Amino acid sequence: MIGRGKKLDEIIENMNMVAEGVYTVKALYEEIKNLNIEMPITEKTYEVLYLNKAPRKAIHELMMRELKNEN
């Protein structure tokens, strides 16, 4: 539904239940910000769900990130 242009509030309002992870990503995003941990996929997912970032733009930003060691 997000990929079809619908906003999270609208989706939640019209569903009996919410897709798994919608609320978890918000809690995880807040925790990684508090701990100063970088989790790019979580950050972009949060931006799409809660900041109305276009999914295509979020994917593009992820794919254009500078490569680095993630050990």
PDB file of N, CA and C in Angstrom:
ATOM      1  N   MET A   1       0.825  -1.197   0.000  1.00  0.00           N
ATOM      2  CA  MET A   1       0.000   0.000   0.000  1.00  0.00           C
ATOM      3  C   MET A   1       0.869   1.261   0.000  1.00  0.00           C
ATOM      4  N   ILE A   2       1.969   1.231   0.758  1.00  0.00           N
ATOM      5  CA  ILE A   2       2.897   2.373   0.769  1.00  0.00           C
ATOM      6  C   ILE A   2       3.446   2.585  -0.639  1.00  0.00           C
ATOM      7  N   GLY A   3       3.820   1.494  -1.284  1.00  0.00           N
ATOM      8  CA  GLY A   3       4.367   1.564  -2.636  1.00  0.00           C
ATOM      9  C   GLY A   3       3.367   2.073  -3.655  1.00  0.00           C
ATOM     10  N   ARG A   4       2.112   1.994  -3.332  1.00  0.00           N
ATOM     11  CA  ARG A   4       1.058   2.499  -4.221  1.00  0.00           C
ATOM     12  C   ARG A   4       0.679   3.938  -3.909  1.00  0.00           C
ATOM     13  N   GLY A   5       1.428   4.559  -2.982  1.00  0.00           N
ATOM     14  CA  GLY A   5       1.215   5.974  -2.708  1.00  0.00           C
ATOM     15  C   GLY A   5       0.331   6.292  -1.518  1.00  0.00           C
ATOM     16  N   LYS A   6      -0.134   5.268  -0.818  1.00  0.00           N
ATOM     17  CA  LYS A   6      -0.975   5.547   0.344  1.00  0.00           C
ATOM     18  C   LYS A   6      -0.110   5.881   1.546  1.00  0.00           C
ATOM     19  N   LYS A   7      -0.619   6.719   2.425  1.00  0.00           N
ATOM     20  CA  LYS A   7       0.087   7.134   3.640  1.00  0.00           C
ATOM     21  C   LYS A   7      -0.227   6.156   4.763  1.00  0.00           C
ATOM     22  N   LEU A   8       0.710   6.023   5.688  1.00  0.00           N
ATOM     23  CA  LEU A   8       0.576   5.060   6.776  1.00  0.00           C
ATOM     24  C   LEU A   8      -0.708   5.277   7.569  1.00  0.00           C
ATOM     25  N   ASP A   9      -1.039   6.495   7.895  1.00  0.00           N
ATOM     26  CA  ASP A   9      -2.259   6.770   8.666  1.00  0.00           C
ATOM     27  C   ASP A   9      -3.497   6.240   7.950  1.00  0.00           C
ATOM     28  N   GLU A  10      -3.551   6.450   6.654  1.00  0.00           N
ATOM     29  CA  GLU A  10      -4.683   5.995   5.856  1.00  0.00           C
ATOM     30  C   GLU A  10      -4.751   4.462   5.830  1.00  0.00           C
ATOM     31  N   ILE A  11      -3.603   3.835   5.710  1.00  0.00           N
ATOM     32  CA  ILE A  11      -3.550   2.374   5.679  1.00  0.00           C
ATOM     33  C   ILE A  11      -4.019   1.802   7.011  1.00  0.00           C
ATOM     34  N   ILE A  12      -3.498   2.341   8.104  1.00  0.00           N
ATOM     35  CA  ILE A  12      -3.862   1.854   9.437  1.00  0.00           C
ATOM     36  C   ILE A  12      -5.351   2.035   9.688  1.00  0.00           C
ATOM     37  N   GLU A  13      -5.885   3.162   9.255  1.00  0.00           N
ATOM     38  CA  GLU A  13      -7.296   3.466   9.472  1.00  0.00           C
ATOM     39  C   GLU A  13      -8.215   2.469   8.761  1.00  0.00           C
ATOM     40  N   ASN A  14      -7.773   1.962   7.624  1.00  0.00           N
ATOM     41  CA  ASN A  14      -8.622   1.095   6.806  1.00  0.00           C
ATOM     42  C   ASN A  14      -8.322  -0.396   6.930  1.00  0.00           C
ATOM     43  N   MET A  15      -7.458  -0.773   7.869  1.00  0.00           N
ATOM     44  CA  MET A  15      -7.125  -2.178   8.042  1.00  0.00           C
ATOM     45  C   MET A  15      -7.573  -2.672   9.409  1.00  0.00           C
ATOM     46  N   ASN A  16      -7.895  -3.958   9.474  1.00  0.00           N
ATOM     47  CA  ASN A  16      -8.222  -4.565  10.761  1.00  0.00           C
ATOM     48  C   ASN A  16      -6.969  -4.811  11.582  1.00  0.00           C
ATOM     49  N   MET A  17      -5.851  -5.050  10.894  1.00  0.00           N
ATOM     50  CA  MET A  17      -4.584  -5.226  11.579  1.00  0.00           C
ATOM     51  C   MET A  17      -3.487  -4.610  10.715  1.00  0.00           C
ATOM     52  N   VAL A  18      -2.373  -4.289  11.345  1.00  0.00           N
ATOM     53  CA  VAL A  18      -1.284  -3.603  10.663  1.00  0.00           C
ATOM     54  C   VAL A  18      -0.205  -4.611  10.306  1.00  0.00           C
ATOM     55  N   ALA A  19       0.452  -4.370   9.194  1.00  0.00           N
ATOM     56  CA  ALA A  19       1.533  -5.247   8.762  1.00  0.00           C
ATOM     57  C   ALA A  19       2.594  -5.356   9.849  1.00  0.00           C
ATOM     58  N   GLU A  20       3.122  -6.558   9.970  1.00  0.00           N
ATOM     59  CA  GLU A  20       4.136  -6.819  10.981  1.00  0.00           C
ATOM     60  C   GLU A  20       5.320  -5.871  10.825  1.00  0.00           C
ATOM     61  N   GLY A  21       5.774  -5.307  11.914  1.00  0.00           N
ATOM     62  CA  GLY A  21       6.964  -4.476  11.911  1.00  0.00           C
ATOM     63  C   GLY A  21       6.717  -2.980  11.846  1.00  0.00           C
ATOM     64  N   VAL A  22       5.503  -2.550  11.555  1.00  0.00           N
ATOM     65  CA  VAL A  22       5.237  -1.113  11.414  1.00  0.00           C
ATOM     66  C   VAL A  22       5.559  -0.368  12.704  1.00  0.00           C
ATOM     67  N   TYR A  23       5.100  -0.880  13.820  1.00  0.00           N
ATOM     68  CA  TYR A  23       5.363  -0.204  15.089  1.00  0.00           C
ATOM     69  C   TYR A  23       6.770  -0.516  15.601  1.00  0.00           C
ATOM     70  N   THR A  24       7.262  -1.689  15.267  1.00  0.00           N
ATOM     71  CA  THR A  24       8.602  -2.083  15.692  1.00  0.00           C
ATOM     72  C   THR A  24       9.658  -1.186  15.091  1.00  0.00           C
ATOM     73  N   VAL A  25       9.481  -0.812  13.817  1.00  0.00           N
ATOM     74  CA  VAL A  25      10.487   0.026  13.170  1.00  0.00           C
ATOM     75  C   VAL A  25      10.578   1.389  13.846  1.00  0.00           C
ATOM     76  N   LYS A  26       9.468   1.890  14.342  1.00  0.00           N
ATOM     77  CA  LYS A  26       9.492   3.175  15.054  1.00  0.00           C
ATOM     78  C   LYS A  26      10.268   3.047  16.365  1.00  0.00           C
ATOM     79  N   ALA A  27       9.989   1.989  17.123  1.00  0.00           N
ATOM     80  CA  ALA A  27      10.693   1.771  18.391  1.00  0.00           C
ATOM     81  C   ALA A  27      12.179   1.541  18.152  1.00  0.00           C
ATOM     82  N   LEU A  28      12.508   0.751  17.142  1.00  0.00           N
ATOM     83  CA  LEU A  28      13.906   0.480  16.826  1.00  0.00           C
ATOM     84  C   LEU A  28      14.616   1.753  16.384  1.00  0.00           C
ATOM     85  N   TYR A  29      13.970   2.556  15.559  1.00  0.00           N
ATOM     86  CA  TYR A  29      14.561   3.817  15.100  1.00  0.00           C
ATOM     87  C   TYR A  29      14.888   4.722  16.293  1.00  0.00           C
ATOM     88  N   GLU A  30      13.954   4.841  17.215  1.00  0.00           N
ATOM     89  CA  GLU A  30      14.193   5.680  18.399  1.00  0.00           C
ATOM     90  C   GLU A  30      15.359   5.148  19.219  1.00  0.00           C
ATOM     91  N   GLU A  31      15.463   3.829  19.330  1.00  0.00           N
ATOM     92  CA  GLU A  31      16.543   3.222  20.107  1.00  0.00           C
ATOM     93  C   GLU A  31      17.902   3.430  19.438  1.00  0.00           C
ATOM     94  N   ILE A  32      17.975   3.257  18.119  1.00  0.00           N
ATOM     95  CA  ILE A  32      19.273   3.435  17.453  1.00  0.00           C
ATOM     96  C   ILE A  32      19.719   4.892  17.496  1.00  0.00           C
ATOM     97  N   LYS A  33      18.771   5.802  17.488  1.00  0.00           N
ATOM     98  CA  LYS A  33      19.137   7.216  17.609  1.00  0.00           C
ATOM     99  C   LYS A  33      19.668   7.494  19.015  1.00  0.00           C
ATOM    100  N   ASN A  34      19.029   6.923  20.037  1.00  0.00           N
ATOM    101  CA  ASN A  34      19.494   7.101  21.423  1.00  0.00           C
ATOM    102  C   ASN A  34      20.883   6.514  21.628  1.00  0.00           C
ATOM    103  N   LEU A  35      21.163   5.387  20.971  1.00  0.00           N
ATOM    104  CA  LEU A  35      22.443   4.702  21.135  1.00  0.00           C
ATOM    105  C   LEU A  35      23.487   5.126  20.107  1.00  0.00           C
ATOM    106  N   ASN A  36      23.109   6.013  19.201  1.00  0.00           N
ATOM    107  CA  ASN A  36      23.996   6.497  18.140  1.00  0.00           C
ATOM    108  C   ASN A  36      24.541   5.335  17.295  1.00  0.00           C
ATOM    109  N   ILE A  37      23.628   4.445  16.904  1.00  0.00           N
ATOM    110  CA  ILE A  37      23.961   3.309  16.059  1.00  0.00           C
ATOM    111  C   ILE A  37      23.438   3.588  14.656  1.00  0.00           C
ATOM    112  N   GLU A  38      24.231   3.243  13.660  1.00  0.00           N
ATOM    113  CA  GLU A  38      23.813   3.438  12.272  1.00  0.00           C
ATOM    114  C   GLU A  38      23.191   2.154  11.737  1.00  0.00           C
ATOM    115  N   MET A  39      21.935   2.233  11.329  1.00  0.00           N
ATOM    116  CA  MET A  39      21.223   1.113  10.704  1.00  0.00           C
ATOM    117  C   MET A  39      20.460   1.675   9.513  1.00  0.00           C
ATOM    118  N   PRO A  40      21.127   1.791   8.371  1.00  0.00           N
ATOM    119  CA  PRO A  40      20.554   2.482   7.214  1.00  0.00           C
ATOM    120  C   PRO A  40      19.204   1.952   6.738  1.00  0.00           C
ATOM    121  N   ILE A  41      19.003   0.642   6.721  1.00  0.00           N
ATOM    122  CA  ILE A  41      17.730   0.118   6.240  1.00  0.00           C
ATOM    123  C   ILE A  41      16.611   0.494   7.195  1.00  0.00           C
ATOM    124  N   THR A  42      16.867   0.397   8.478  1.00  0.00           N
ATOM    125  CA  THR A  42      15.873   0.800   9.471  1.00  0.00           C
ATOM    126  C   THR A  42      15.572   2.288   9.337  1.00  0.00           C
ATOM    127  N   GLU A  43      16.601   3.097   9.161  1.00  0.00           N
ATOM    128  CA  GLU A  43      16.421   4.543   9.043  1.00  0.00           C
ATOM    129  C   GLU A  43      15.566   4.887   7.825  1.00  0.00           C
ATOM    130  N   LYS A  44      15.839   4.260   6.696  1.00  0.00           N
ATOM    131  CA  LYS A  44      15.064   4.556   5.477  1.00  0.00           C
ATOM    132  C   LYS A  44      13.636   4.042   5.593  1.00  0.00           C
ATOM    133  N   THR A  45      13.468   2.875   6.232  1.00  0.00           N
ATOM    134  CA  THR A  45      12.118   2.344   6.434  1.00  0.00           C
ATOM    135  C   THR A  45      11.307   3.293   7.300  1.00  0.00           C
ATOM    136  N   TYR A  46      11.933   3.805   8.351  1.00  0.00           N
ATOM    137  CA  TYR A  46      11.269   4.783   9.217  1.00  0.00           C
ATOM    138  C   TYR A  46      10.887   6.027   8.418  1.00  0.00           C
ATOM    139  N   GLU A  47      11.805   6.519   7.604  1.00  0.00           N
ATOM    140  CA  GLU A  47      11.536   7.720   6.809  1.00  0.00           C
ATOM    141  C   GLU A  47      10.365   7.512   5.853  1.00  0.00           C
ATOM    142  N   VAL A  48      10.279   6.334   5.267  1.00  0.00           N
ATOM    143  CA  VAL A  48       9.164   6.040   4.356  1.00  0.00           C
ATOM    144  C   VAL A  48       7.855   5.966   5.132  1.00  0.00           C
ATOM    145  N   LEU A  49       7.854   5.243   6.240  1.00  0.00           N
ATOM    146  CA  LEU A  49       6.618   5.062   6.994  1.00  0.00           C
ATOM    147  C   LEU A  49       6.158   6.301   7.740  1.00  0.00           C
ATOM    148  N   TYR A  50       7.096   6.999   8.372  1.00  0.00           N
ATOM    149  CA  TYR A  50       6.705   8.068   9.294  1.00  0.00           C
ATOM    150  C   TYR A  50       7.021   9.485   8.825  1.00  0.00           C
ATOM    151  N   LEU A  51       7.893   9.621   7.825  1.00  0.00           N
ATOM    152  CA  LEU A  51       8.236  10.961   7.325  1.00  0.00           C
ATOM    153  C   LEU A  51       7.810  11.157   5.875  1.00  0.00           C
ATOM    154  N   ASN A  52       7.042  10.194   5.371  1.00  0.00           N
ATOM    155  CA  ASN A  52       6.478  10.263   4.020  1.00  0.00           C
ATOM    156  C   ASN A  52       7.511  10.367   2.900  1.00  0.00           C
ATOM    157  N   LYS A  53       8.673   9.788   3.110  1.00  0.00           N
ATOM    158  CA  LYS A  53       9.677   9.748   2.043  1.00  0.00           C
ATOM    159  C   LYS A  53       9.196   8.773   0.978  1.00  0.00           C
ATOM    160  N   ALA A  54       9.388   9.119  -0.260  1.00  0.00           N
ATOM    161  CA  ALA A  54       9.014   8.234  -1.362  1.00  0.00           C
ATOM    162  C   ALA A  54       9.867   6.963  -1.303  1.00  0.00           C
ATOM    163  N   PRO A  55       9.235   5.798  -1.393  1.00  0.00           N
ATOM    164  CA  PRO A  55      10.004   4.550  -1.336  1.00  0.00           C
ATOM    165  C   PRO A  55      11.134   4.486  -2.364  1.00  0.00           C
ATOM    166  N   ARG A  56      10.883   4.935  -3.564  1.00  0.00           N
ATOM    167  CA  ARG A  56      11.931   4.920  -4.601  1.00  0.00           C
ATOM    168  C   ARG A  56      13.130   5.773  -4.193  1.00  0.00           C
ATOM    169  N   LYS A  57      12.846   6.912  -3.586  1.00  0.00           N
ATOM    170  CA  LYS A  57      13.930   7.788  -3.148  1.00  0.00           C
ATOM    171  C   LYS A  57      14.737   7.116  -2.029  1.00  0.00           C
ATOM    172  N   ALA A  58      14.053   6.478  -1.100  1.00  0.00           N
ATOM    173  CA  ALA A  58      14.739   5.794  -0.003  1.00  0.00           C
ATOM    174  C   ALA A  58      15.637   4.678  -0.541  1.00  0.00           C
ATOM    175  N   ILE A  59      15.128   3.914  -1.474  1.00  0.00           N
ATOM    176  CA  ILE A  59      15.930   2.843  -2.079  1.00  0.00           C
ATOM    177  C   ILE A  59      17.130   3.427  -2.810  1.00  0.00           C
ATOM    178  N   HIS A  60      16.900   4.485  -3.548  1.00  0.00           N
ATOM    179  CA  HIS A  60      18.003   5.133  -4.274  1.00  0.00           C
ATOM    180  C   HIS A  60      19.084   5.599  -3.298  1.00  0.00           C
ATOM    181  N   GLU A  61      18.679   6.225  -2.212  1.00  0.00           N
ATOM    182  CA  GLU A  61      19.645   6.696  -1.217  1.00  0.00           C
ATOM    183  C   GLU A  61      20.425   5.536  -0.604  1.00  0.00           C
ATOM    184  N   LEU A  62      19.740   4.427  -0.345  1.00  0.00           N
ATOM    185  CA  LEU A  62      20.442   3.258   0.185  1.00  0.00           C
ATOM    186  C   LEU A  62      21.463   2.726  -0.816  1.00  0.00           C
ATOM    187  N   MET A  63      21.075   2.650  -2.055  1.00  0.00           N
ATOM    188  CA  MET A  63      21.955   2.094  -3.084  1.00  0.00           C
ATOM    189  C   MET A  63      23.130   3.017  -3.398  1.00  0.00           C
ATOM    190  N   MET A  64      22.995   4.290  -3.137  1.00  0.00           N
ATOM    191  CA  MET A  64      24.046   5.259  -3.453  1.00  0.00           C
ATOM    192  C   MET A  64      24.970   5.536  -2.250  1.00  0.00           C
ATOM    193  N   ARG A  65      24.700   4.872  -1.118  1.00  0.00           N
ATOM    194  CA  ARG A  65      25.557   5.059   0.052  1.00  0.00           C
ATOM    195  C   ARG A  65      26.990   4.645  -0.270  1.00  0.00           C
ATOM    196  N   GLU A  66      27.927   5.327   0.325  1.00  0.00           N
ATOM    197  CA  GLU A  66      29.328   4.963   0.187  1.00  0.00           C
ATOM    198  C   GLU A  66      29.538   3.611   0.869  1.00  0.00           C
ATOM    199  N   LEU A  67      30.237   2.723   0.178  1.00  0.00           N
ATOM    200  CA  LEU A  67      30.519   1.419   0.760  1.00  0.00           C
ATOM    201  C   LEU A  67      31.498   1.554   1.915  1.00  0.00           C
ATOM    202  N   LYS A  68      31.276   0.722   2.934  1.00  0.00           N
ATOM    203  CA  LYS A  68      32.194   0.727   4.071  1.00  0.00           C
ATOM    204  C   LYS A  68      32.119  -0.625   4.763  1.00  0.00           C
ATOM    205  N   ASN A  69      33.110  -0.922   5.547  1.00  0.00           N
ATOM    206  CA  ASN A  69      33.144  -2.154   6.299  1.00  0.00           C
ATOM    207  C   ASN A  69      32.115  -2.098   7.409  1.00  0.00           C
ATOM    208  N   GLU A  70      31.306  -3.128   7.522  1.00  0.00           N
ATOM    209  CA  GLU A  70      30.244  -3.127   8.526  1.00  0.00           C
ATOM    210  C   GLU A  70      30.416  -4.253   9.525  1.00  0.00           C
ATOM    211  N   ASN A  71      31.616  -4.521   9.934  1.00  0.00           N
ATOM    212  CA  ASN A  71      31.874  -5.561  10.936  1.00  0.00           C
ATOM    213  C   ASN A  71      31.481  -5.114  12.302  1.00  0.00           C
TER     214      ASN A  71
END
